[in-house]
Amino acid sequence: MKKAEIQRGPKILPNVIIPDALKKALKYTFVNEGGYSDVAGDSGGATSGFGIIISELSRWRGYSVSKQEVRDMPEEEANQIYYFWYWKPLELDSVNAANVSCAIFDIGVVRGIGYPPKQIQLICNDHGNHLAVDRHMGHLTLAALNAMDPSVFLRDFSSRVEAGFRAIVANNSTQAKFLKGWVNRARRLLTLIGAK
């Protein structure tokens, strides 16, 4: 029996509607991502202009992609990856404030989707909650987050994210070349205060 040939090229699913809040978050995040890169020492390797790393695109498409395919990936494909693998697992449609969901999404892109829930839980606990720090966006975490003043949350989140980036470099000096960009990204979260 002959094996089915793997279809190569972009994988864009039909009838996927990207929520407006995600569209805004993507616009914000794509500014941070800044174009295609393949920097020595970057654990993600080749990264599309939309922030999708080579291993992620390979997993999405179901075969090992080339660096050129990462460079050439269409924005619509990146949007769908972000919708299914970031936005939905982080339960961001259930976050009341669009500026807060944008911040969480952006840091989920750069740090992975387990990082924002942990920081949210720690921040909420600092403000009187008693959440389990389980790195999961469950209903208790969402309720505590939605009860917070978005400006207070964003200030605390920005501070924790910056401290997290600094800790990476403290533990691995080879990552120091990324620190300035990471700190700028963490501090840029403060521009979301007051945004709709």
N, C-alpha and C. Protein backbone atom coordinates (compact mmCIF):
# COMPACT_ATOMS: atom_id res chain seq x y z
N MET A 1 0.84 -1.18 0.00
CA MET A 1 0.00 0.00 0.00
C MET A 1 0.89 1.25 0.00
N LYS A 2 0.59 2.17 -0.88
CA LYS A 2 1.37 3.39 -1.03
C LYS A 2 0.98 4.40 0.05
N LYS A 3 2.01 5.02 0.67
CA LYS A 3 1.78 6.05 1.68
C LYS A 3 1.19 7.30 1.03
N ALA A 4 0.28 7.93 1.75
CA ALA A 4 -0.27 9.20 1.26
C ALA A 4 0.82 10.26 1.29
N GLU A 5 0.88 11.04 0.25
CA GLU A 5 1.88 12.10 0.18
C GLU A 5 1.45 13.27 1.06
N ILE A 6 2.41 13.80 1.80
CA ILE A 6 2.14 14.94 2.66
C ILE A 6 2.00 16.19 1.79
N GLN A 7 0.90 16.91 2.01
CA GLN A 7 0.71 18.16 1.29
C GLN A 7 1.65 19.21 1.87
N ARG A 8 2.40 19.86 1.03
CA ARG A 8 3.35 20.87 1.46
C ARG A 8 2.79 22.26 1.17
N GLY A 9 3.31 23.22 1.91
CA GLY A 9 2.89 24.60 1.72
C GLY A 9 1.99 25.06 2.86
N PRO A 10 1.51 26.29 2.76
CA PRO A 10 0.70 26.85 3.84
C PRO A 10 -0.53 25.99 4.16
N LYS A 11 -0.86 25.93 5.44
CA LYS A 11 -2.04 25.21 5.90
C LYS A 11 -2.99 26.25 6.48
N ILE A 12 -4.00 26.58 5.70
CA ILE A 12 -4.98 27.58 6.13
C ILE A 12 -6.33 26.89 6.18
N LEU A 13 -6.90 26.85 7.36
CA LEU A 13 -8.17 26.16 7.56
C LEU A 13 -9.32 27.04 7.09
N PRO A 14 -10.34 26.44 6.46
CA PRO A 14 -11.48 27.24 6.00
C PRO A 14 -12.38 27.64 7.17
N ASN A 15 -13.10 28.71 6.98
CA ASN A 15 -14.15 29.15 7.90
C ASN A 15 -13.68 29.44 9.32
N VAL A 16 -12.45 29.91 9.48
CA VAL A 16 -11.96 30.30 10.80
C VAL A 16 -12.16 31.81 10.93
N ILE A 17 -12.90 32.21 11.94
CA ILE A 17 -13.15 33.63 12.18
C ILE A 17 -12.26 34.08 13.34
N ILE A 18 -11.37 34.99 13.04
CA ILE A 18 -10.46 35.53 14.05
C ILE A 18 -11.20 36.64 14.81
N PRO A 19 -11.32 36.52 16.14
CA PRO A 19 -12.02 37.56 16.92
C PRO A 19 -11.35 38.93 16.78
N ASP A 20 -12.16 39.98 16.86
CA ASP A 20 -11.63 41.34 16.74
C ASP A 20 -10.56 41.64 17.78
N ALA A 21 -10.75 41.16 19.01
CA ALA A 21 -9.75 41.41 20.06
C ALA A 21 -8.42 40.76 19.70
N LEU A 22 -8.46 39.59 19.09
CA LEU A 22 -7.21 38.96 18.65
C LEU A 22 -6.59 39.73 17.50
N LYS A 23 -7.39 40.23 16.59
CA LYS A 23 -6.84 41.04 15.48
C LYS A 23 -6.04 42.22 16.03
N LYS A 24 -6.59 42.88 17.05
CA LYS A 24 -5.89 44.02 17.67
C LYS A 24 -4.61 43.55 18.36
N ALA A 25 -4.70 42.42 19.05
CA ALA A 25 -3.52 41.88 19.74
C ALA A 25 -2.44 41.47 18.74
N LEU A 26 -2.84 40.90 17.62
CA LEU A 26 -1.87 40.52 16.59
C LEU A 26 -1.14 41.74 16.05
N LYS A 27 -1.90 42.80 15.79
CA LYS A 27 -1.28 44.03 15.29
C LYS A 27 -0.22 44.53 16.29
N TYR A 28 -0.55 44.51 17.56
CA TYR A 28 0.37 44.92 18.62
C TYR A 28 1.60 44.00 18.65
N THR A 29 1.38 42.71 18.64
CA THR A 29 2.46 41.73 18.75
C THR A 29 3.36 41.74 17.53
N PHE A 30 2.80 41.91 16.34
CA PHE A 30 3.63 41.90 15.13
C PHE A 30 4.63 43.05 15.14
N VAL A 31 4.30 44.17 15.78
CA VAL A 31 5.27 45.27 15.93
C VAL A 31 6.45 44.78 16.76
N ASN A 32 6.18 44.03 17.83
CA ASN A 32 7.25 43.51 18.68
C ASN A 32 8.10 42.48 17.95
N GLU A 33 7.49 41.70 17.11
CA GLU A 33 8.23 40.61 16.44
C GLU A 33 9.22 41.15 15.40
N GLY A 34 8.85 42.20 14.69
CA GLY A 34 9.80 42.95 13.88
C GLY A 34 10.38 42.30 12.64
N GLY A 35 9.80 41.29 12.10
CA GLY A 35 10.30 40.71 10.85
C GLY A 35 11.02 39.39 11.05
N TYR A 36 11.30 38.73 9.96
CA TYR A 36 11.96 37.43 9.98
C TYR A 36 13.32 37.54 10.68
N SER A 37 13.65 36.50 11.48
CA SER A 37 14.97 36.47 12.10
C SER A 37 15.46 35.03 12.22
N ASP A 38 16.76 34.90 12.23
CA ASP A 38 17.42 33.62 12.46
C ASP A 38 18.75 33.94 13.14
N VAL A 39 18.65 34.24 14.43
CA VAL A 39 19.78 34.74 15.20
C VAL A 39 20.45 33.58 15.94
N ALA A 40 21.76 33.51 15.82
CA ALA A 40 22.51 32.49 16.57
C ALA A 40 22.25 32.66 18.06
N GLY A 41 21.98 31.57 18.75
CA GLY A 41 21.72 31.61 20.18
C GLY A 41 20.25 31.74 20.55
N ASP A 42 19.39 32.02 19.55
CA ASP A 42 17.95 32.08 19.81
C ASP A 42 17.41 30.66 19.80
N SER A 43 16.92 30.21 20.95
CA SER A 43 16.49 28.82 21.07
C SER A 43 15.34 28.47 20.12
N GLY A 44 14.61 29.47 19.65
CA GLY A 44 13.51 29.22 18.71
C GLY A 44 13.97 28.98 17.29
N GLY A 45 15.19 29.37 16.97
CA GLY A 45 15.69 29.21 15.60
C GLY A 45 15.02 30.20 14.66
N ALA A 46 14.91 29.81 13.40
CA ALA A 46 14.29 30.68 12.39
C ALA A 46 12.89 31.05 12.85
N THR A 47 12.59 32.35 12.78
CA THR A 47 11.32 32.88 13.26
C THR A 47 10.71 33.77 12.21
N SER A 48 9.44 33.52 11.89
CA SER A 48 8.76 34.33 10.87
C SER A 48 8.60 35.76 11.37
N GLY A 49 8.26 36.64 10.46
CA GLY A 49 7.99 38.03 10.82
C GLY A 49 6.79 38.17 11.74
N PHE A 50 6.04 37.08 11.89
CA PHE A 50 4.87 37.09 12.76
C PHE A 50 5.16 36.42 14.11
N GLY A 51 6.41 35.97 14.31
CA GLY A 51 6.80 35.38 15.58
C GLY A 51 6.64 33.87 15.67
N ILE A 52 6.31 33.23 14.57
CA ILE A 52 6.15 31.76 14.56
C ILE A 52 7.52 31.13 14.32
N ILE A 53 7.94 30.25 15.25
CA ILE A 53 9.24 29.60 15.12
C ILE A 53 9.16 28.37 14.23
N ILE A 54 10.30 27.95 13.72
CA ILE A 54 10.36 26.88 12.73
C ILE A 54 9.73 25.57 13.24
N SER A 55 9.96 25.22 14.50
CA SER A 55 9.38 23.97 15.02
C SER A 55 7.86 24.05 15.13
N GLU A 56 7.36 25.25 15.43
CA GLU A 56 5.93 25.44 15.54
C GLU A 56 5.25 25.34 14.17
N LEU A 57 5.85 25.96 13.19
CA LEU A 57 5.29 25.89 11.84
C LEU A 57 5.36 24.45 11.32
N SER A 58 6.44 23.74 11.63
CA SER A 58 6.56 22.34 11.23
C SER A 58 5.44 21.50 11.86
N ARG A 59 5.19 21.73 13.13
CA ARG A 59 4.13 20.98 13.82
C ARG A 59 2.77 21.30 13.22
N TRP A 60 2.51 22.57 12.93
CA TRP A 60 1.24 23.00 12.34
C TRP A 60 1.02 22.35 10.97
N ARG A 61 2.07 22.36 10.15
CA ARG A 61 1.93 21.84 8.79
C ARG A 61 2.06 20.32 8.71
N GLY A 62 2.66 19.71 9.72
CA GLY A 62 2.78 18.26 9.74
C GLY A 62 3.99 17.71 9.02
N TYR A 63 4.96 18.54 8.76
CA TYR A 63 6.23 18.11 8.16
C TYR A 63 7.31 19.11 8.54
N SER A 64 8.56 18.72 8.36
CA SER A 64 9.68 19.58 8.70
C SER A 64 9.84 20.67 7.64
N VAL A 65 9.56 21.91 8.02
CA VAL A 65 9.61 23.02 7.06
C VAL A 65 11.02 23.57 6.95
N SER A 66 11.27 24.26 5.87
CA SER A 66 12.57 24.91 5.65
C SER A 66 12.54 26.33 6.22
N LYS A 67 13.71 26.91 6.36
CA LYS A 67 13.80 28.30 6.80
C LYS A 67 13.10 29.22 5.80
N GLN A 68 13.18 28.88 4.52
CA GLN A 68 12.51 29.71 3.51
C GLN A 68 10.99 29.66 3.69
N GLU A 69 10.48 28.51 4.07
CA GLU A 69 9.03 28.41 4.31
C GLU A 69 8.63 29.25 5.53
N VAL A 70 9.49 29.31 6.53
CA VAL A 70 9.23 30.16 7.69
C VAL A 70 9.20 31.62 7.24
N ARG A 71 10.18 32.00 6.45
CA ARG A 71 10.27 33.38 5.95
C ARG A 71 9.04 33.75 5.12
N ASP A 72 8.53 32.79 4.34
CA ASP A 72 7.46 33.07 3.38
C ASP A 72 6.05 32.80 3.91
N MET A 73 5.92 32.37 5.15
CA MET A 73 4.58 31.98 5.62
C MET A 73 3.61 33.16 5.54
N PRO A 74 2.38 32.88 5.13
CA PRO A 74 1.39 33.96 5.02
C PRO A 74 0.84 34.37 6.39
N GLU A 75 0.46 35.61 6.50
CA GLU A 75 -0.08 36.15 7.76
C GLU A 75 -1.32 35.39 8.20
N GLU A 76 -2.18 35.01 7.28
CA GLU A 76 -3.41 34.29 7.64
C GLU A 76 -3.09 32.98 8.36
N GLU A 77 -2.04 32.31 7.93
CA GLU A 77 -1.64 31.07 8.58
C GLU A 77 -1.15 31.36 10.01
N ALA A 78 -0.35 32.40 10.17
CA ALA A 78 0.12 32.78 11.51
C ALA A 78 -1.07 33.12 12.40
N ASN A 79 -2.03 33.84 11.87
CA ASN A 79 -3.21 34.22 12.65
C ASN A 79 -3.95 32.98 13.16
N GLN A 80 -4.07 31.96 12.32
CA GLN A 80 -4.76 30.74 12.74
C GLN A 80 -3.96 29.98 13.79
N ILE A 81 -2.66 29.91 13.64
CA ILE A 81 -1.83 29.27 14.67
C ILE A 81 -2.03 29.98 16.00
N TYR A 82 -1.98 31.28 15.97
CA TYR A 82 -2.15 32.05 17.21
C TYR A 82 -3.55 31.86 17.80
N TYR A 83 -4.54 31.77 16.95
CA TYR A 83 -5.91 31.57 17.46
C TYR A 83 -6.04 30.22 18.16
N PHE A 84 -5.62 29.16 17.51
CA PHE A 84 -5.83 27.82 18.06
C PHE A 84 -4.83 27.44 19.15
N TRP A 85 -3.61 27.92 19.06
CA TRP A 85 -2.56 27.46 19.98
C TRP A 85 -2.20 28.45 21.07
N TYR A 86 -2.72 29.67 20.98
CA TYR A 86 -2.42 30.69 22.00
C TYR A 86 -3.72 31.29 22.57
N TRP A 87 -4.49 31.93 21.72
CA TRP A 87 -5.68 32.66 22.16
C TRP A 87 -6.68 31.74 22.88
N LYS A 88 -7.03 30.65 22.23
CA LYS A 88 -8.02 29.74 22.83
C LYS A 88 -7.50 29.06 24.10
N PRO A 89 -6.29 28.48 24.13
CA PRO A 89 -5.82 27.86 25.37
C PRO A 89 -5.69 28.84 26.53
N LEU A 90 -5.39 30.10 26.22
CA LEU A 90 -5.29 31.12 27.26
C LEU A 90 -6.66 31.69 27.65
N GLU A 91 -7.73 31.21 26.99
CA GLU A 91 -9.11 31.63 27.32
C GLU A 91 -9.28 33.15 27.21
N LEU A 92 -8.64 33.75 26.22
CA LEU A 92 -8.61 35.21 26.15
C LEU A 92 -9.94 35.83 25.71
N ASP A 93 -10.84 35.03 25.14
CA ASP A 93 -12.19 35.55 24.86
C ASP A 93 -12.95 35.81 26.15
N SER A 94 -12.50 35.22 27.26
CA SER A 94 -13.17 35.38 28.56
C SER A 94 -12.55 36.49 29.40
N VAL A 95 -11.55 37.18 28.89
CA VAL A 95 -10.94 38.31 29.60
C VAL A 95 -11.72 39.56 29.21
N ASN A 96 -12.21 40.29 30.21
CA ASN A 96 -13.10 41.43 29.94
C ASN A 96 -12.41 42.60 29.25
N ALA A 97 -11.19 42.91 29.63
CA ALA A 97 -10.49 44.09 29.12
C ALA A 97 -9.60 43.71 27.93
N ALA A 98 -9.87 44.32 26.79
CA ALA A 98 -9.10 44.00 25.57
C ALA A 98 -7.61 44.32 25.74
N ASN A 99 -7.28 45.38 26.48
CA ASN A 99 -5.86 45.71 26.66
C ASN A 99 -5.16 44.66 27.51
N VAL A 100 -5.87 44.06 28.44
CA VAL A 100 -5.30 42.99 29.27
C VAL A 100 -5.12 41.73 28.44
N SER A 101 -6.12 41.37 27.65
CA SER A 101 -5.97 40.17 26.80
C SER A 101 -4.84 40.35 25.81
N CYS A 102 -4.65 41.57 25.31
CA CYS A 102 -3.55 41.86 24.38
C CYS A 102 -2.20 41.62 25.06
N ALA A 103 -2.06 42.12 26.28
CA ALA A 103 -0.80 41.97 27.02
C ALA A 103 -0.50 40.50 27.30
N ILE A 104 -1.50 39.77 27.73
CA ILE A 104 -1.34 38.35 28.03
C ILE A 104 -0.94 37.59 26.78
N PHE A 105 -1.62 37.87 25.68
CA PHE A 105 -1.32 37.21 24.41
C PHE A 105 0.12 37.49 24.00
N ASP A 106 0.51 38.75 24.02
CA ASP A 106 1.85 39.13 23.57
C ASP A 106 2.93 38.39 24.35
N ILE A 107 2.78 38.31 25.65
CA ILE A 107 3.80 37.65 26.46
C ILE A 107 3.69 36.13 26.31
N GLY A 108 2.52 35.62 26.04
CA GLY A 108 2.39 34.20 25.72
C GLY A 108 3.16 33.84 24.46
N VAL A 109 3.20 34.76 23.50
CA VAL A 109 3.94 34.53 22.26
C VAL A 109 5.43 34.43 22.55
N VAL A 110 5.96 35.33 23.34
CA VAL A 110 7.41 35.37 23.56
C VAL A 110 7.88 34.39 24.64
N ARG A 111 7.03 34.09 25.64
CA ARG A 111 7.45 33.24 26.74
C ARG A 111 6.79 31.87 26.77
N GLY A 112 5.78 31.65 25.95
CA GLY A 112 5.03 30.39 25.98
C GLY A 112 3.74 30.57 26.77
N ILE A 113 2.75 29.74 26.46
CA ILE A 113 1.41 29.97 27.04
C ILE A 113 1.28 29.57 28.50
N GLY A 114 2.25 28.90 29.08
CA GLY A 114 2.19 28.60 30.51
C GLY A 114 2.64 29.76 31.38
N TYR A 115 3.41 30.67 30.79
CA TYR A 115 3.97 31.77 31.57
C TYR A 115 2.92 32.80 32.03
N PRO A 116 2.08 33.33 31.13
CA PRO A 116 1.13 34.35 31.59
C PRO A 116 0.19 33.89 32.70
N PRO A 117 -0.41 32.68 32.64
CA PRO A 117 -1.30 32.30 33.74
C PRO A 117 -0.60 32.28 35.10
N LYS A 118 0.63 31.82 35.13
CA LYS A 118 1.36 31.81 36.41
C LYS A 118 1.52 33.23 36.94
N GLN A 119 1.91 34.16 36.07
CA GLN A 119 2.10 35.55 36.50
C GLN A 119 0.76 36.17 36.93
N ILE A 120 -0.30 35.86 36.21
CA ILE A 120 -1.63 36.36 36.57
C ILE A 120 -2.00 35.86 37.97
N GLN A 121 -1.79 34.59 38.21
CA GLN A 121 -2.14 34.01 39.51
C GLN A 121 -1.33 34.65 40.63
N LEU A 122 -0.05 34.86 40.40
CA LEU A 122 0.79 35.51 41.41
C LEU A 122 0.35 36.95 41.65
N ILE A 123 0.03 37.67 40.59
CA ILE A 123 -0.44 39.06 40.74
C ILE A 123 -1.76 39.10 41.50
N CYS A 124 -2.69 38.25 41.10
CA CYS A 124 -3.99 38.22 41.79
C CYS A 124 -3.82 37.87 43.26
N ASN A 125 -2.93 36.95 43.56
CA ASN A 125 -2.67 36.59 44.96
C ASN A 125 -2.05 37.75 45.72
N ASP A 126 -1.20 38.54 45.06
CA ASP A 126 -0.63 39.73 45.69
C ASP A 126 -1.71 40.74 46.05
N HIS A 127 -2.86 40.64 45.38
CA HIS A 127 -3.97 41.58 45.61
C HIS A 127 -5.12 40.92 46.38
N GLY A 128 -4.79 39.91 47.20
CA GLY A 128 -5.77 39.36 48.13
C GLY A 128 -6.47 38.08 47.74
N ASN A 129 -6.16 37.54 46.58
CA ASN A 129 -6.77 36.27 46.18
C ASN A 129 -5.95 35.11 46.74
N HIS A 130 -6.47 33.93 46.60
CA HIS A 130 -5.80 32.72 47.08
C HIS A 130 -5.88 31.65 46.00
N LEU A 131 -5.36 31.98 44.84
CA LEU A 131 -5.42 31.07 43.70
C LEU A 131 -4.28 30.05 43.77
N ALA A 132 -4.57 28.85 43.29
CA ALA A 132 -3.51 27.87 43.09
C ALA A 132 -2.66 28.38 41.92
N VAL A 133 -1.36 28.30 42.05
CA VAL A 133 -0.46 28.74 40.97
C VAL A 133 -0.16 27.49 40.13
N ASP A 134 -1.07 27.25 39.18
CA ASP A 134 -1.02 26.01 38.38
C ASP A 134 -0.75 26.25 36.90
N ARG A 135 -0.51 27.51 36.52
CA ARG A 135 -0.20 27.87 35.13
C ARG A 135 -1.35 27.54 34.18
N HIS A 136 -2.58 27.57 34.68
CA HIS A 136 -3.76 27.26 33.87
C HIS A 136 -4.78 28.39 34.02
N MET A 137 -5.38 28.80 32.92
CA MET A 137 -6.38 29.87 32.93
C MET A 137 -7.77 29.28 33.20
N GLY A 138 -7.99 28.86 34.42
CA GLY A 138 -9.29 28.32 34.81
C GLY A 138 -10.25 29.43 35.20
N HIS A 139 -11.47 29.03 35.55
CA HIS A 139 -12.51 30.02 35.84
C HIS A 139 -12.20 30.88 37.06
N LEU A 140 -11.51 30.33 38.06
CA LEU A 140 -11.16 31.14 39.24
C LEU A 140 -10.11 32.20 38.89
N THR A 141 -9.13 31.81 38.08
CA THR A 141 -8.11 32.76 37.63
C THR A 141 -8.75 33.86 36.80
N LEU A 142 -9.63 33.47 35.88
CA LEU A 142 -10.30 34.46 35.03
C LEU A 142 -11.16 35.42 35.86
N ALA A 143 -11.87 34.88 36.84
CA ALA A 143 -12.72 35.73 37.68
C ALA A 143 -11.87 36.73 38.47
N ALA A 144 -10.76 36.27 39.03
CA ALA A 144 -9.88 37.17 39.79
C ALA A 144 -9.26 38.22 38.88
N LEU A 145 -8.83 37.81 37.70
CA LEU A 145 -8.25 38.75 36.74
C LEU A 145 -9.28 39.80 36.33
N ASN A 146 -10.49 39.36 35.99
CA ASN A 146 -11.52 40.28 35.53
C ASN A 146 -11.98 41.23 36.64
N ALA A 147 -11.76 40.87 37.89
CA ALA A 147 -12.14 41.75 39.02
C ALA A 147 -11.09 42.82 39.28
N MET A 148 -9.89 42.66 38.71
CA MET A 148 -8.82 43.65 38.93
C MET A 148 -8.98 44.88 38.05
N ASP A 149 -8.50 45.99 38.53
CA ASP A 149 -8.40 47.19 37.70
C ASP A 149 -7.36 46.91 36.61
N PRO A 150 -7.72 47.04 35.33
CA PRO A 150 -6.77 46.73 34.26
C PRO A 150 -5.46 47.50 34.35
N SER A 151 -5.50 48.75 34.79
CA SER A 151 -4.27 49.54 34.88
C SER A 151 -3.34 48.98 35.94
N VAL A 152 -3.89 48.58 37.06
CA VAL A 152 -3.08 47.97 38.13
C VAL A 152 -2.49 46.67 37.64
N PHE A 153 -3.31 45.85 37.00
CA PHE A 153 -2.82 44.58 36.49
C PHE A 153 -1.68 44.80 35.49
N LEU A 154 -1.86 45.71 34.55
CA LEU A 154 -0.85 45.92 33.50
C LEU A 154 0.47 46.41 34.09
N ARG A 155 0.42 47.28 35.09
CA ARG A 155 1.66 47.74 35.74
C ARG A 155 2.38 46.56 36.41
N ASP A 156 1.63 45.77 37.14
CA ASP A 156 2.22 44.62 37.83
C ASP A 156 2.74 43.58 36.84
N PHE A 157 1.97 43.34 35.79
CA PHE A 157 2.34 42.35 34.78
C PHE A 157 3.63 42.78 34.07
N SER A 158 3.70 44.04 33.67
CA SER A 158 4.89 44.57 33.01
C SER A 158 6.11 44.37 33.90
N SER A 159 5.97 44.70 35.17
CA SER A 159 7.09 44.57 36.11
C SER A 159 7.53 43.10 36.26
N ARG A 160 6.58 42.20 36.38
CA ARG A 160 6.91 40.78 36.52
C ARG A 160 7.54 40.22 35.25
N VAL A 161 7.04 40.64 34.11
CA VAL A 161 7.58 40.17 32.84
C VAL A 161 9.03 40.64 32.69
N GLU A 162 9.28 41.91 32.99
CA GLU A 162 10.65 42.41 32.91
C GLU A 162 11.57 41.65 33.86
N ALA A 163 11.11 41.40 35.08
CA ALA A 163 11.92 40.64 36.04
C ALA A 163 12.19 39.23 35.52
N GLY A 164 11.21 38.65 34.85
CA GLY A 164 11.39 37.31 34.28
C GLY A 164 12.44 37.29 33.19
N PHE A 165 12.44 38.31 32.34
CA PHE A 165 13.46 38.40 31.29
C PHE A 165 14.85 38.58 31.91
N ARG A 166 14.93 39.41 32.93
CA ARG A 166 16.22 39.64 33.59
C ARG A 166 16.72 38.35 34.25
N ALA A 167 15.81 37.55 34.77
CA ALA A 167 16.19 36.28 35.39
C ALA A 167 16.74 35.30 34.36
N ILE A 168 16.18 35.32 33.15
CA ILE A 168 16.71 34.45 32.09
C ILE A 168 18.18 34.75 31.87
N VAL A 169 18.50 36.04 31.75
CA VAL A 169 19.88 36.46 31.49
C VAL A 169 20.78 36.17 32.69
N ALA A 170 20.26 36.36 33.89
CA ALA A 170 21.05 36.08 35.09
C ALA A 170 21.42 34.59 35.15
N ASN A 171 20.54 33.75 34.66
CA ASN A 171 20.79 32.30 34.67
C ASN A 171 21.53 31.80 33.43
N ASN A 172 21.57 32.61 32.38
CA ASN A 172 22.22 32.18 31.13
C ASN A 172 22.74 33.42 30.40
N SER A 173 23.98 33.75 30.64
CA SER A 173 24.55 35.00 30.09
C SER A 173 24.58 35.02 28.56
N THR A 174 24.47 33.87 27.90
CA THR A 174 24.44 33.87 26.44
C THR A 174 23.19 34.56 25.89
N GLN A 175 22.19 34.74 26.74
CA GLN A 175 20.95 35.38 26.31
C GLN A 175 20.98 36.91 26.49
N ALA A 176 22.08 37.44 26.98
CA ALA A 176 22.18 38.88 27.26
C ALA A 176 21.93 39.73 26.02
N LYS A 177 22.27 39.21 24.85
CA LYS A 177 22.08 40.00 23.62
C LYS A 177 20.60 40.26 23.33
N PHE A 178 19.71 39.51 23.97
CA PHE A 178 18.27 39.70 23.75
C PHE A 178 17.63 40.59 24.82
N LEU A 179 18.38 40.92 25.88
CA LEU A 179 17.78 41.59 27.03
C LEU A 179 17.17 42.95 26.69
N LYS A 180 17.87 43.76 25.93
CA LYS A 180 17.35 45.10 25.62
C LYS A 180 15.99 45.00 24.94
N GLY A 181 15.88 44.14 23.94
CA GLY A 181 14.60 43.96 23.24
C GLY A 181 13.52 43.41 24.15
N TRP A 182 13.90 42.47 25.01
CA TRP A 182 12.92 41.90 25.94
C TRP A 182 12.43 42.95 26.93
N VAL A 183 13.35 43.75 27.47
CA VAL A 183 12.95 44.79 28.42
C VAL A 183 12.05 45.81 27.73
N ASN A 184 12.39 46.19 26.51
CA ASN A 184 11.54 47.11 25.76
C ASN A 184 10.14 46.53 25.57
N ARG A 185 10.09 45.22 25.29
CA ARG A 185 8.79 44.56 25.10
C ARG A 185 7.99 44.59 26.40
N ALA A 186 8.64 44.30 27.52
CA ALA A 186 7.95 44.32 28.81
C ALA A 186 7.45 45.72 29.14
N ARG A 187 8.27 46.72 28.90
CA ARG A 187 7.88 48.10 29.22
C ARG A 187 6.83 48.64 28.26
N ARG A 188 6.82 48.14 27.04
CA ARG A 188 5.81 48.57 26.07
C ARG A 188 4.40 48.17 26.52
N LEU A 189 4.30 47.15 27.36
CA LEU A 189 2.99 46.77 27.90
C LEU A 189 2.31 47.93 28.60
N LEU A 190 3.11 48.83 29.16
CA LEU A 190 2.56 49.98 29.86
C LEU A 190 1.81 50.92 28.92
N THR A 191 2.10 50.86 27.63
CA THR A 191 1.37 51.69 26.66
C THR A 191 -0.06 51.22 26.49
N LEU A 192 -0.36 50.02 26.96
CA LEU A 192 -1.72 49.49 26.86
C LEU A 192 -2.63 50.04 27.96
N ILE A 193 -2.06 50.68 28.97
CA ILE A 193 -2.88 51.27 30.03
C ILE A 193 -3.77 52.34 29.41
N GLY A 194 -5.05 52.21 29.63
CA GLY A 194 -6.01 53.16 29.08
C GLY A 194 -6.46 52.83 27.67
N ALA A 195 -5.82 51.88 27.02
CA ALA A 195 -6.22 51.50 25.65
C ALA A 195 -7.52 50.70 25.71
N LYS A 196 -8.27 50.77 24.66
CA LYS A 196 -9.55 50.01 24.58
C LYS A 196 -9.36 48.79 23.72
